[in-house]
């Protein structure tokens, strides 16, 4: 009998396929005394060989999907598996203590990990500790006859089922086989939702406990349009979902006819529709969906998909590829936004009570610890600027003095490059992301110094409402249509226009079909969203009258006290 679950519709589309559980297995074991140590050594050799074979396959897959550079981490893992000193010590422990391979493996690798992690001043050795942890888990799994989930090796149509998906896991997903994913936690603004939209994979998040209710290979039907998931759907239910999927694909084909159309309202007003990306390969989707710009390039994924700080040349090549790929259309590049829930294995962040309110983004870049990486990134951006229309954006700005400090470093690096004879574009715009209420309230002062604003509503909403956007207990407070949020947005837009500057938005709200009419009425200039939302938004804007949307926004800003009242107004004006 089928079982229905309800989650959050986070990325559009419908899928019917087998479940693939992306859940880490229990690798606990008992320490045992053994007599036949030769047998234990042979078991270890077999597990090492199996692990090497798996990593070789994963590396080949990573090269084809992510490129040689991103796949290099697997070379380090394969070297660990073949390290004669470590393997020799494990075998010696088996013989000396007459213990099973699992226990000897843990004892020796724990020792190496502790030594390497203790080398605070040696980033390379700390990275090796992370490699040993990863590899040990794989060898333990093979010793115990357990398979680790490897999304990169999926070779049949599946729906991924997981607690959550990390950016690195999501990056391994092959759209040819992964038809959707469903998670226990997360919401419309979580990183798994952002990546799903970028990859154009349907997603249902926040089902609470689907990992406990599904087994590998069970049939699933999932709708990223309604948030519905059915475990063991009947034939009739499968047909119903497939029909809904076909109808959505037909709707997408209708929107596709607008790919090269101008973004204008029913009364002829133009708005700029841009797309958000995480890596150079995403530019293809931006152009395929007819976006007029890139409104947010999240450069932290360059750092998160590497096992070291990307060099100036590595970054230059990535930024150049994006600028060239956009053929002269504007590209807003956000400087590194690490911290909060985005961590790097090779850069130790402090343990903080509230990491989202802590040391992250521009705060790291402006610190002594982050200054070197910030200057490296700015030099790479400046060098790439001649290949397109570059706009540089600083994230997590609370103070005018922070913006001034960041711009000062930018100008210093520009002067150094020019002295070296490096060509730099003379029309680079420099702006900030408005995601902290303090900056939104002081927008009139910021507007005198910046070239543009881009409103990051994902964080602005959680900071304004004091509501963690990843916490389902307070998810009811995540209200993009709340009048308080609309008033902050209005303040930013009006402040920008008063100084002759433009204001955009790169949070999830920019592509929200309920929010778009309100944002049009407020006068937002640029809407940046997942590439898959661009054509749908263009189709919506063509139906709306900008003067009527201005009336709608005015009423929402001056008369509404609750989100529900705002939604009723939107309904009245857009029927």
Protein backbone atom coordinates (compact mmCIF):
# COMPACT_ATOMS: atom_id res chain seq x y z
CA UNK A 1 0.00 0.00 0.00
CA UNK A 2 1.32 3.41 -0.92
CA UNK A 3 2.28 5.98 1.72
CA UNK A 4 2.09 9.76 1.22
CA UNK A 5 4.47 12.34 2.65
CA UNK A 6 4.41 16.12 2.42
CA UNK A 7 7.52 18.27 2.17
CA UNK A 8 8.56 21.63 0.76
CA UNK A 9 8.51 22.02 -3.02
CA UNK A 10 12.03 23.40 -3.54
CA UNK A 11 12.86 22.80 -7.22
CA UNK A 12 10.25 22.34 -9.95
CA UNK A 13 9.63 19.09 -11.76
CA UNK A 14 8.18 15.62 -11.23
CA UNK A 15 9.88 12.21 -11.08
CA UNK A 16 9.00 8.54 -10.64
CA UNK A 17 11.97 6.24 -9.97
CA UNK A 18 13.67 3.90 -7.49
CA UNK A 19 14.95 5.29 -4.18
CA UNK A 20 18.71 5.59 -3.68
CA UNK A 21 19.49 6.11 0.01
CA UNK A 22 22.39 8.52 0.43
CA UNK A 23 22.80 7.69 4.12
CA UNK A 24 26.08 6.85 5.85
CA UNK A 25 26.04 3.25 7.19
CA UNK A 26 26.89 2.24 10.76
CA UNK A 27 30.56 1.22 10.73
CA UNK A 28 30.89 0.31 14.41
CA UNK A 29 32.64 -3.02 15.15
CA UNK A 30 33.88 -5.24 17.97
CA UNK A 31 37.57 -5.55 18.75
CA UNK A 32 38.43 -9.27 18.65
CA UNK A 33 41.45 -11.41 19.50
CA UNK A 34 42.47 -13.54 16.50
CA UNK A 35 44.83 -16.47 16.03
CA UNK A 36 44.99 -16.42 12.23
CA UNK A 37 46.73 -13.06 11.68
CA UNK A 38 47.56 -14.01 8.07
CA UNK A 39 43.82 -14.15 7.38
CA UNK A 40 43.33 -10.69 8.89
CA UNK A 41 46.17 -9.26 6.78
CA UNK A 42 44.61 -10.82 3.68
CA UNK A 43 41.24 -9.27 4.61
CA UNK A 44 43.00 -5.89 4.93
CA UNK A 45 44.68 -6.31 1.52
CA UNK A 46 41.32 -7.18 -0.08
CA UNK A 47 39.63 -4.15 1.50
CA UNK A 48 42.45 -1.85 0.37
CA UNK A 49 42.23 -3.21 -3.20
CA UNK A 50 38.44 -2.82 -3.28
CA UNK A 51 38.71 0.75 -1.95
CA UNK A 52 41.35 1.61 -4.56
CA UNK A 53 39.11 0.26 -7.32
CA UNK A 54 36.13 2.30 -6.07
CA UNK A 55 38.15 5.51 -5.81
CA UNK A 56 39.51 5.00 -9.32
CA UNK A 57 35.94 4.80 -10.68
CA UNK A 58 34.82 7.82 -8.64
CA UNK A 59 37.83 9.81 -9.85
CA UNK A 60 37.09 9.01 -13.52
CA UNK A 61 33.48 10.10 -13.02
CA UNK A 62 34.56 13.29 -11.22
CA UNK A 63 36.94 14.20 -14.07
CA UNK A 64 34.13 13.98 -16.62
CA UNK A 65 31.63 15.96 -14.52
CA UNK A 66 33.79 18.37 -12.50
CA UNK A 67 37.14 18.52 -14.35
CA UNK A 68 40.70 17.36 -13.59
CA UNK A 69 41.34 19.96 -10.89
CA UNK A 70 38.32 19.11 -8.73
CA UNK A 71 39.03 15.38 -9.13
CA UNK A 72 42.61 15.76 -7.86
CA UNK A 73 41.47 15.17 -4.27
CA UNK A 74 40.95 11.50 -5.16
CA UNK A 75 44.63 11.18 -6.11
CA UNK A 76 45.49 12.11 -2.52
CA UNK A 77 43.04 9.49 -1.24
CA UNK A 78 44.53 6.82 -3.51
CA UNK A 79 48.04 7.70 -2.27
CA UNK A 80 46.89 7.13 1.33
CA UNK A 81 45.60 3.68 0.35
CA UNK A 82 49.02 2.78 -1.02
CA UNK A 83 51.17 4.33 1.74
CA UNK A 84 53.60 1.51 2.69
CA UNK A 85 54.41 3.02 6.11
CA UNK A 86 50.79 3.22 7.24
CA UNK A 87 49.82 -0.18 5.80
CA UNK A 88 52.93 -1.70 7.35
CA UNK A 89 52.00 -0.33 10.78
CA UNK A 90 48.44 -1.69 10.51
CA UNK A 91 49.75 -5.17 9.65
CA UNK A 92 52.33 -4.98 12.43
CA UNK A 93 49.52 -4.10 14.88
CA UNK A 94 47.47 -7.09 13.67
CA UNK A 95 50.44 -9.41 14.31
CA UNK A 96 51.70 -7.86 17.54
CA UNK A 97 48.32 -7.56 19.24
CA UNK A 98 46.66 -10.53 17.51
CA UNK A 99 43.72 -8.27 16.78
CA UNK A 100 41.22 -8.05 13.93
CA UNK A 101 41.88 -5.83 10.90
CA UNK A 102 39.09 -3.38 11.80
CA UNK A 103 40.64 -2.60 15.21
CA UNK A 104 44.18 -2.35 13.86
CA UNK A 105 43.05 -0.03 11.06
CA UNK A 106 41.32 2.26 13.54
CA UNK A 107 44.21 2.32 16.01
CA UNK A 108 46.87 3.24 13.43
CA UNK A 109 44.81 5.70 11.40
CA UNK A 110 43.58 7.45 14.58
CA UNK A 111 47.23 7.92 15.55
CA UNK A 112 48.13 9.47 12.16
CA UNK A 113 45.03 11.70 12.21
CA UNK A 114 45.85 13.00 15.70
CA UNK A 115 49.46 13.76 14.72
CA UNK A 116 48.51 15.57 11.48
CA UNK A 117 45.63 17.52 13.03
CA UNK A 118 48.00 18.74 15.73
CA UNK A 119 50.22 20.49 13.17
CA UNK A 120 48.41 23.85 13.44
CA UNK A 121 50.97 25.67 11.31
CA UNK A 122 50.97 23.13 8.48
CA UNK A 123 47.86 23.29 6.28
CA UNK A 124 49.17 20.51 4.01
CA UNK A 125 49.42 18.02 6.87
CA UNK A 126 45.97 18.98 8.20
CA UNK A 127 44.57 18.24 4.73
CA UNK A 128 46.21 14.80 4.89
CA UNK A 129 44.35 14.14 8.16
CA UNK A 130 41.06 14.79 6.36
CA UNK A 131 42.16 12.44 3.54
CA UNK A 132 42.98 9.65 6.02
CA UNK A 133 39.57 10.02 7.73
CA UNK A 134 37.79 9.70 4.37
CA UNK A 135 39.84 6.75 3.20
CA UNK A 136 39.59 4.92 6.55
CA UNK A 137 35.81 5.05 6.36
CA UNK A 138 35.91 3.42 2.91
CA UNK A 139 38.33 0.68 3.98
CA UNK A 140 36.27 -0.05 7.13
CA UNK A 141 33.16 -0.36 4.96
CA UNK A 142 34.88 -2.86 2.68
CA UNK A 143 36.23 -4.84 5.65
CA UNK A 144 32.68 -5.12 6.98
CA UNK A 145 31.09 -5.88 3.62
CA UNK A 146 29.10 -2.63 3.68
CA UNK A 147 28.76 -0.32 0.66
CA UNK A 148 29.30 3.40 1.14
CA UNK A 149 26.87 5.47 -0.93
CA UNK A 150 28.68 6.92 -3.96
CA UNK A 151 26.39 9.28 -5.90
CA UNK A 152 29.06 9.68 -8.60
CA UNK A 153 28.71 5.97 -9.47
CA UNK A 154 24.91 5.90 -9.96
CA UNK A 155 24.15 4.38 -13.37
CA UNK A 156 20.35 3.97 -13.36
CA UNK A 157 17.40 6.33 -12.90
CA UNK A 158 16.91 7.07 -9.19
CA UNK A 159 15.47 9.53 -6.70
CA UNK A 160 18.11 10.41 -4.09
CA UNK A 161 16.86 10.15 -0.49
CA UNK A 162 19.02 11.81 2.18
CA UNK A 163 19.06 13.67 5.50
CA UNK A 164 20.37 16.65 3.54
CA UNK A 165 22.73 17.11 0.61
CA UNK A 166 26.06 18.90 0.90
CA UNK A 167 27.27 21.03 -2.04
CA UNK A 168 30.01 18.46 -2.78
CA UNK A 169 27.47 15.60 -2.84
CA UNK A 170 25.11 17.59 -5.05
CA UNK A 171 27.97 18.39 -7.43
CA UNK A 172 28.46 14.64 -8.02
CA UNK A 173 24.88 14.11 -9.18
CA UNK A 174 24.41 13.20 -12.84
CA UNK A 175 21.12 14.59 -14.17
CA UNK A 176 20.94 11.73 -16.65
CA UNK A 177 20.31 9.30 -13.76
CA UNK A 178 19.28 11.43 -10.78
CA UNK A 179 15.67 12.35 -11.50
CA UNK A 180 14.94 14.12 -8.19
CA UNK A 181 15.95 14.25 -4.58
CA UNK A 182 14.01 14.18 -1.33
CA UNK A 183 15.46 15.10 2.07
CA UNK A 184 14.54 15.06 5.76
CA UNK A 185 15.56 18.69 6.35
CA UNK A 186 15.97 21.93 4.42
CA UNK A 187 13.73 24.47 2.76
CA UNK A 188 13.39 26.71 -0.28
CA UNK A 189 16.45 28.76 0.61
CA UNK A 190 18.81 25.97 1.77
CA UNK A 191 21.92 25.19 -0.27
CA UNK A 192 20.49 21.89 -1.44
CA UNK A 193 17.51 23.79 -2.92
CA UNK A 194 19.80 26.31 -4.58
CA UNK A 195 21.92 23.55 -6.12
CA UNK A 196 18.84 21.57 -7.22
CA UNK A 197 17.51 24.60 -9.08
CA UNK A 198 20.89 25.23 -10.69
CA UNK A 199 21.10 21.59 -11.84
CA UNK A 200 17.38 21.62 -12.84
CA UNK A 201 16.66 18.57 -10.68
CA UNK A 202 13.23 18.38 -8.97
CA UNK A 203 13.51 18.52 -5.18
CA UNK A 204 11.24 18.01 -2.19
CA UNK A 205 12.87 19.00 1.10
CA UNK A 206 11.92 18.95 4.77
CA UNK A 207 9.93 15.71 4.84
CA UNK A 208 11.33 15.14 8.38
CA UNK A 209 11.93 11.37 8.27
CA UNK A 210 11.84 9.92 4.75
CA UNK A 211 15.23 8.23 5.28
CA UNK A 212 13.62 6.08 7.99
CA UNK A 213 10.61 5.16 5.87
CA UNK A 214 12.26 4.17 2.60
CA UNK A 215 14.63 1.36 1.64
CA UNK A 216 17.01 1.22 -1.31
CA UNK A 217 15.24 0.31 -4.54
CA UNK A 218 11.70 1.13 -3.37
CA UNK A 219 9.64 3.02 -5.96
CA UNK A 220 9.04 6.70 -5.24
CA UNK A 221 6.99 9.42 -6.89
CA UNK A 222 8.09 12.99 -6.05
CA UNK A 223 6.71 16.35 -7.12
CA UNK A 224 8.87 19.45 -6.80
CA UNK A 225 5.75 21.40 -7.83
CA UNK A 226 3.50 20.42 -4.90
CA UNK A 227 5.94 18.98 -2.33
CA UNK A 228 4.19 15.59 -2.42
CA UNK A 229 6.08 12.30 -2.18
CA UNK A 230 4.51 8.83 -2.47
CA UNK A 231 6.34 5.71 -1.28
CA UNK A 232 5.41 2.58 -3.29
CA UNK A 233 2.96 4.48 -5.53
CA UNK A 234 0.26 2.45 -7.25
CA UNK A 235 0.25 2.24 -11.05
CA UNK A 236 -2.54 4.85 -11.12
CA UNK A 237 -0.53 7.20 -8.86
CA UNK A 238 2.58 6.76 -11.01
CA UNK A 239 0.54 7.64 -14.10
CA UNK A 240 -0.87 10.72 -12.35
CA UNK A 241 2.63 11.96 -11.43
CA UNK A 242 3.98 11.26 -14.91
CA UNK A 243 1.10 13.24 -16.45
CA UNK A 244 1.84 16.15 -14.10
CA UNK A 245 5.49 15.94 -15.15
CA UNK A 246 4.57 15.95 -18.84
CA UNK A 247 2.27 18.97 -18.31
CA UNK A 248 5.10 20.83 -16.58
CA UNK A 249 7.49 20.00 -19.44
CA UNK A 250 4.87 21.33 -21.91
CA UNK A 251 4.61 24.52 -19.85
CA UNK A 252 8.40 24.83 -19.93
CA UNK A 253 8.34 24.48 -23.72
CA UNK A 254 5.81 27.33 -23.85
CA UNK A 255 8.06 29.51 -21.68
CA UNK A 256 11.06 28.57 -23.87
CA UNK A 257 9.49 30.54 -26.72
CA UNK A 258 10.33 33.66 -24.67
CA UNK A 259 14.05 32.85 -24.51
CA UNK A 260 15.12 35.73 -26.76
CA UNK A 261 12.25 38.07 -25.88
CA UNK A 262 12.79 41.33 -24.01
CA UNK A 263 11.60 41.39 -20.40
CA UNK A 264 8.80 43.96 -20.54
CA UNK A 265 5.52 44.39 -18.70
CA UNK A 266 2.09 44.65 -20.33
CA UNK A 267 2.55 48.47 -20.33
CA UNK A 268 6.08 48.33 -21.77
CA UNK A 269 8.32 48.77 -18.71
CA UNK A 270 11.62 46.86 -18.80
CA UNK A 271 13.15 44.88 -15.94
CA UNK A 272 16.46 42.97 -16.02
CA UNK A 273 16.17 39.23 -15.42
CA UNK A 274 19.44 37.67 -14.28
CA UNK A 275 20.48 34.24 -13.03
CA UNK A 276 22.47 32.95 -10.04
CA UNK A 277 25.35 30.51 -10.60
CA UNK A 278 27.84 28.54 -8.50
CA UNK A 279 30.44 27.54 -11.09
CA UNK A 280 31.51 28.32 -14.69
CA UNK A 281 29.65 25.29 -16.09
CA UNK A 282 26.36 26.88 -14.96
CA UNK A 283 26.70 29.60 -17.63
CA UNK A 284 25.31 27.17 -20.20
CA UNK A 285 22.02 27.01 -18.28
CA UNK A 286 21.95 30.81 -17.90
CA UNK A 287 22.14 31.30 -21.66
CA UNK A 288 19.80 28.40 -22.42
CA UNK A 289 17.15 30.09 -20.26
CA UNK A 290 17.53 33.53 -21.83
CA UNK A 291 18.85 35.42 -18.79
CA UNK A 292 20.06 38.95 -19.47
CA UNK A 293 22.86 38.85 -16.89
CA UNK A 294 24.38 36.91 -14.02
CA UNK A 295 23.19 38.62 -10.88
CA UNK A 296 25.14 36.42 -8.47
CA UNK A 297 28.19 34.25 -9.01
CA UNK A 298 28.77 32.45 -5.71
CA UNK A 299 32.55 32.17 -5.82
CA UNK A 300 32.77 30.17 -2.58
CA UNK A 301 32.01 27.01 -4.56
CA UNK A 302 35.46 27.42 -6.16
CA UNK A 303 36.87 27.11 -2.65
CA UNK A 304 34.48 24.39 -1.45
CA UNK A 305 35.15 22.10 -4.40
CA UNK A 306 38.92 22.34 -3.96
CA UNK A 307 41.30 20.82 -1.42
CA UNK A 308 43.30 24.06 -1.18
CA UNK A 309 42.82 27.79 -1.49
CA UNK A 310 42.37 28.36 -5.25
CA UNK A 311 45.39 30.17 -6.67
CA UNK A 312 45.16 33.50 -8.45
CA UNK A 313 45.54 31.80 -11.83
CA UNK A 314 42.95 29.11 -11.03
CA UNK A 315 40.46 31.81 -10.04
CA UNK A 316 41.34 33.99 -13.03
CA UNK A 317 40.54 31.13 -15.42
CA UNK A 318 37.16 30.52 -13.73
CA UNK A 319 36.15 34.21 -13.78
CA UNK A 320 37.37 34.63 -17.35
CA UNK A 321 35.31 31.62 -18.47
CA UNK A 322 32.14 33.08 -16.92
CA UNK A 323 32.68 36.59 -18.34
CA UNK A 324 33.46 35.25 -21.82
CA UNK A 325 30.55 32.82 -21.63
CA UNK A 326 28.13 35.72 -21.06
CA UNK A 327 29.24 37.51 -24.25
CA UNK A 328 29.38 41.02 -22.79
CA UNK A 329 26.30 40.73 -20.57
CA UNK A 330 26.79 41.90 -16.96
CA UNK A 331 28.20 39.47 -14.39
CA UNK A 332 27.93 40.21 -10.65
CA UNK A 333 30.65 38.29 -8.82
CA UNK A 334 30.27 37.98 -5.05
CA UNK A 335 33.55 37.71 -3.21
CA UNK A 336 34.10 34.64 -1.05
CA UNK A 337 31.18 33.99 1.32
CA UNK A 338 32.56 31.29 3.62
CA UNK A 339 31.22 30.78 7.13
CA UNK A 340 27.78 30.08 8.58
CA UNK A 341 27.03 26.64 7.15
CA UNK A 342 29.71 26.86 4.42
CA UNK A 343 33.00 25.44 5.63
CA UNK A 344 36.38 24.58 4.09
CA UNK A 345 38.30 21.47 5.18
CA UNK A 346 41.60 23.34 4.83
CA UNK A 347 40.62 26.56 6.66
CA UNK A 348 39.74 26.23 10.33
CA UNK A 349 36.81 28.37 11.42
CA UNK A 350 36.25 28.93 15.13
CA UNK A 351 33.48 27.06 16.93
CA UNK A 352 30.80 29.69 17.43
CA UNK A 353 27.47 29.74 19.27
CA UNK A 354 25.84 31.52 16.31
CA UNK A 355 27.98 31.01 13.17
CA UNK A 356 25.44 32.82 10.94
CA UNK A 357 26.02 35.89 13.12
CA UNK A 358 29.74 35.27 13.39
CA UNK A 359 33.01 35.36 11.54
CA UNK A 360 32.04 34.91 7.90
CA UNK A 361 32.15 36.39 4.38
CA UNK A 362 33.67 39.90 4.22
CA UNK A 363 34.49 39.73 7.93
CA UNK A 364 36.98 36.95 7.17
CA UNK A 365 38.26 38.72 4.05
CA UNK A 366 39.04 41.91 5.95
CA UNK A 367 40.72 40.10 8.85
CA UNK A 368 44.42 39.42 9.09
CA UNK A 369 43.72 35.71 8.51
CA UNK A 370 41.70 36.34 5.36
CA UNK A 371 43.51 39.31 3.84
CA UNK A 372 45.86 37.22 1.69
CA UNK A 373 43.04 35.18 0.16
CA UNK A 374 40.95 38.33 -0.39
CA UNK A 375 43.75 40.10 -2.28
CA UNK A 376 44.33 36.96 -4.36
CA UNK A 377 40.65 36.85 -5.31
CA UNK A 378 40.50 40.57 -6.15
CA UNK A 379 43.60 40.35 -8.34
CA UNK A 380 42.09 37.41 -10.25
CA UNK A 381 38.84 39.36 -10.73
CA UNK A 382 40.62 42.50 -11.89
CA UNK A 383 42.70 40.52 -14.41
CA UNK A 384 39.54 38.86 -15.76
CA UNK A 385 37.61 42.14 -16.03
CA UNK A 386 38.73 42.80 -19.62
CA UNK A 387 36.85 39.69 -20.82
CA UNK A 388 33.34 40.99 -20.09
CA UNK A 389 31.21 43.35 -18.04
CA UNK A 390 32.29 42.75 -14.44
CA UNK A 391 30.48 43.87 -11.31
CA UNK A 392 32.13 43.06 -7.95
CA UNK A 393 29.95 42.60 -4.87
CA UNK A 394 30.98 42.36 -1.21
CA UNK A 395 28.79 40.15 1.04
CA UNK A 396 27.75 40.53 4.67
CA UNK A 397 28.35 44.27 4.93
CA UNK A 398 27.01 45.90 8.10
CA UNK A 399 29.09 49.10 8.25
CA UNK A 400 30.00 51.78 5.73
CA UNK A 401 33.57 51.49 7.05
CA UNK A 402 33.63 47.80 6.01
CA UNK A 403 32.75 48.75 2.44
CA UNK A 404 35.41 51.48 2.43
CA UNK A 405 38.05 49.05 3.74
CA UNK A 406 37.18 46.45 1.08
CA UNK A 407 37.19 49.01 -1.72
CA UNK A 408 40.54 50.38 -0.51
CA UNK A 409 42.09 46.90 -0.84
CA UNK A 410 40.53 46.56 -4.30
CA UNK A 411 42.03 49.90 -5.41
CA UNK A 412 45.43 48.94 -3.97
CA UNK A 413 45.49 45.69 -5.95
CA UNK A 414 44.31 47.52 -9.07
CA UNK A 415 47.18 49.99 -8.74
CA UNK A 416 49.70 47.15 -8.30
CA UNK A 417 48.42 45.30 -11.37
CA UNK A 418 48.51 48.44 -13.51
CA UNK A 419 52.09 49.04 -12.36
CA UNK A 420 52.86 45.51 -13.59
CA UNK A 421 51.38 46.41 -16.97
CA UNK A 422 48.24 44.28 -16.58
CA UNK A 423 45.18 45.48 -18.50
CA UNK A 424 42.09 46.17 -16.36
CA UNK A 425 38.61 47.24 -17.49
CA UNK A 426 37.71 50.85 -16.64
CA UNK A 427 33.98 50.25 -16.12
CA UNK A 428 33.92 47.80 -13.17
CA UNK A 429 30.98 48.49 -10.87
CA UNK A 430 31.48 47.83 -7.15
CA UNK A 431 28.50 47.15 -4.90
CA UNK A 432 27.33 45.37 -1.79
CA UNK A 433 24.91 42.66 -0.87
CA UNK A 434 22.19 43.98 1.43
CA UNK A 435 21.47 41.12 3.81
CA UNK A 436 21.90 42.75 7.22
CA UNK A 437 19.04 44.99 8.45
CA UNK A 438 21.56 47.63 9.60
CA UNK A 439 22.72 48.10 5.99
CA UNK A 440 19.14 48.15 4.71
CA UNK A 441 18.26 50.91 7.18
CA UNK A 442 21.37 52.92 6.27
CA UNK A 443 20.97 52.40 2.54
CA UNK A 444 20.78 56.16 1.87
CA UNK A 445 24.36 56.56 3.16
CA UNK A 446 25.70 53.43 1.43
CA UNK A 447 24.09 54.61 -1.83
CA UNK A 448 26.41 57.63 -1.92
CA UNK A 449 29.45 55.31 -2.14
CA UNK A 450 28.44 52.09 -3.90
CA UNK A 451 27.57 51.57 -7.57
CA UNK A 452 24.71 49.16 -6.86
CA UNK A 453 22.86 47.11 -4.27
CA UNK A 454 21.83 43.47 -4.52
CA UNK A 455 19.40 42.39 -1.82
CA UNK A 456 20.10 38.94 -0.37
CA UNK A 457 16.67 38.12 1.01
CA UNK A 458 17.56 34.61 2.25
CA UNK A 459 19.62 36.10 5.07
CA UNK A 460 17.85 39.47 5.30
CA UNK A 461 14.60 37.70 6.22
CA UNK A 462 16.16 35.42 8.83
CA UNK A 463 18.05 38.31 10.44
CA UNK A 464 15.04 40.62 10.44
CA UNK A 465 12.66 37.99 11.84
CA UNK A 466 15.27 36.46 14.23
CA UNK A 467 14.37 33.14 12.62
CA UNK A 468 16.94 30.54 11.54
CA UNK A 469 15.89 29.60 8.01
CA UNK A 470 17.13 26.03 8.53
CA UNK A 471 15.11 25.49 11.73
CA UNK A 472 11.74 23.91 11.00
CA UNK A 473 10.45 24.85 14.48
CA UNK A 474 10.46 28.53 13.49
CA UNK A 475 9.90 28.18 9.75
CA UNK A 476 6.54 29.97 10.10
CA UNK A 477 8.55 33.16 10.74
CA UNK A 478 10.35 32.92 7.41
CA UNK A 479 7.98 35.38 5.71
CA UNK A 480 9.19 37.05 2.51
CA UNK A 481 5.84 38.84 2.12
CA UNK A 482 5.77 40.27 5.64
CA UNK A 483 5.26 44.09 5.48
CA UNK A 484 8.42 44.60 7.56
CA UNK A 485 10.53 42.85 4.89
CA UNK A 486 8.80 44.75 2.09
CA UNK A 487 9.51 48.05 3.87
CA UNK A 488 13.21 47.23 4.19
CA UNK A 489 13.35 46.33 0.48
CA UNK A 490 11.51 49.52 -0.41
CA UNK A 491 13.96 51.56 1.67
CA UNK A 492 16.92 50.05 -0.21
CA UNK A 493 15.41 50.56 -3.68
CA UNK A 494 14.36 54.15 -3.02
CA UNK A 495 17.79 55.00 -1.53
CA UNK A 496 19.55 53.59 -4.61
CA UNK A 497 17.32 55.51 -7.02
CA UNK A 498 17.78 58.77 -5.10
CA UNK A 499 21.51 58.55 -5.89
CA UNK A 500 21.01 57.36 -9.48
CA UNK A 501 22.12 53.81 -8.65
CA UNK A 502 20.41 50.51 -9.43
CA UNK A 503 19.07 47.94 -6.99
CA UNK A 504 18.71 44.22 -7.63
CA UNK A 505 17.85 41.12 -5.66
CA UNK A 506 19.62 37.76 -5.67
CA UNK A 507 17.75 35.91 -2.91
CA UNK A 508 15.13 33.24 -3.57
CA UNK A 509 12.42 35.91 -3.32
CA UNK A 510 13.49 37.38 -6.69
CA UNK A 511 12.15 34.32 -8.51
CA UNK A 512 9.13 33.80 -6.26
CA UNK A 513 6.06 34.19 -8.48
CA UNK A 514 4.02 35.65 -5.61
CA UNK A 515 6.73 38.19 -4.71
CA UNK A 516 7.51 39.32 -8.27
CA UNK A 517 4.42 41.60 -8.63
CA UNK A 518 5.26 43.29 -5.30
CA UNK A 519 8.91 43.78 -6.26
CA UNK A 520 7.92 45.20 -9.64
CA UNK A 521 5.68 47.69 -7.87
CA UNK A 522 8.45 48.69 -5.46
CA UNK A 523 10.66 49.42 -8.47
CA UNK A 524 13.37 46.77 -8.14
CA UNK A 525 15.58 47.08 -11.25
CA UNK A 526 17.15 43.62 -11.50
CA UNK A 527 15.76 40.21 -10.48
CA UNK A 528 18.35 37.43 -10.15
CA UNK A 529 17.17 33.87 -9.59
CA UNK A 530 17.89 30.26 -10.51
CA UNK A 531 18.21 30.06 -14.29
CA UNK A 532 15.19 27.73 -14.43
CA UNK A 533 12.92 30.48 -13.06
CA UNK A 534 13.85 33.15 -15.64
CA UNK A 535 11.43 32.25 -18.43
CA UNK A 536 8.53 31.66 -16.04
CA UNK A 537 9.15 35.10 -14.51
CA UNK A 538 9.39 36.74 -17.95
CA UNK A 539 6.04 35.18 -18.89
CA UNK A 540 4.48 36.51 -15.66
CA UNK A 541 5.86 40.03 -16.11
CA UNK A 542 4.48 40.25 -19.65
CA UNK A 543 0.97 39.84 -18.19
CA UNK A 544 1.31 42.50 -15.49
CA UNK A 545 0.81 46.28 -15.66
CA UNK A 546 3.62 48.08 -13.83
CA UNK A 547 1.38 51.01 -12.78
CA UNK A 548 -1.10 48.60 -11.17
CA UNK A 549 1.77 46.76 -9.45
CA UNK A 550 2.93 50.13 -8.04
CA UNK A 551 -0.56 50.55 -6.55
CA UNK A 552 -0.33 47.02 -5.12
CA UNK A 553 3.06 47.72 -3.54
CA UNK A 554 1.88 51.03 -2.07
CA UNK A 555 -1.08 49.31 -0.38
CA UNK A 556 1.09 46.48 0.91
CA UNK A 557 3.61 48.96 2.32
CA UNK A 558 1.14 51.36 3.93
CA UNK A 559 -1.98 49.35 4.81
CA UNK A 560 -0.99 45.73 5.47
CA UNK A 561 -0.04 44.53 8.95
CA UNK A 562 0.43 40.82 8.23
CA UNK A 563 1.78 38.52 5.54
CA UNK A 564 -1.73 37.16 5.02
CA UNK A 565 -3.05 40.64 4.26
CA UNK A 566 -0.26 41.16 1.72
CA UNK A 567 -1.07 37.83 0.03
CA UNK A 568 -4.75 38.80 -0.22
CA UNK A 569 -3.72 42.05 -1.93
CA UNK A 570 -1.48 40.20 -4.40
CA UNK A 571 -4.35 37.85 -5.18
CA UNK A 572 -6.71 40.78 -5.82
CA UNK A 573 -4.29 42.59 -8.13
CA UNK A 574 -3.06 39.62 -10.17
CA UNK A 575 -6.26 37.69 -10.82
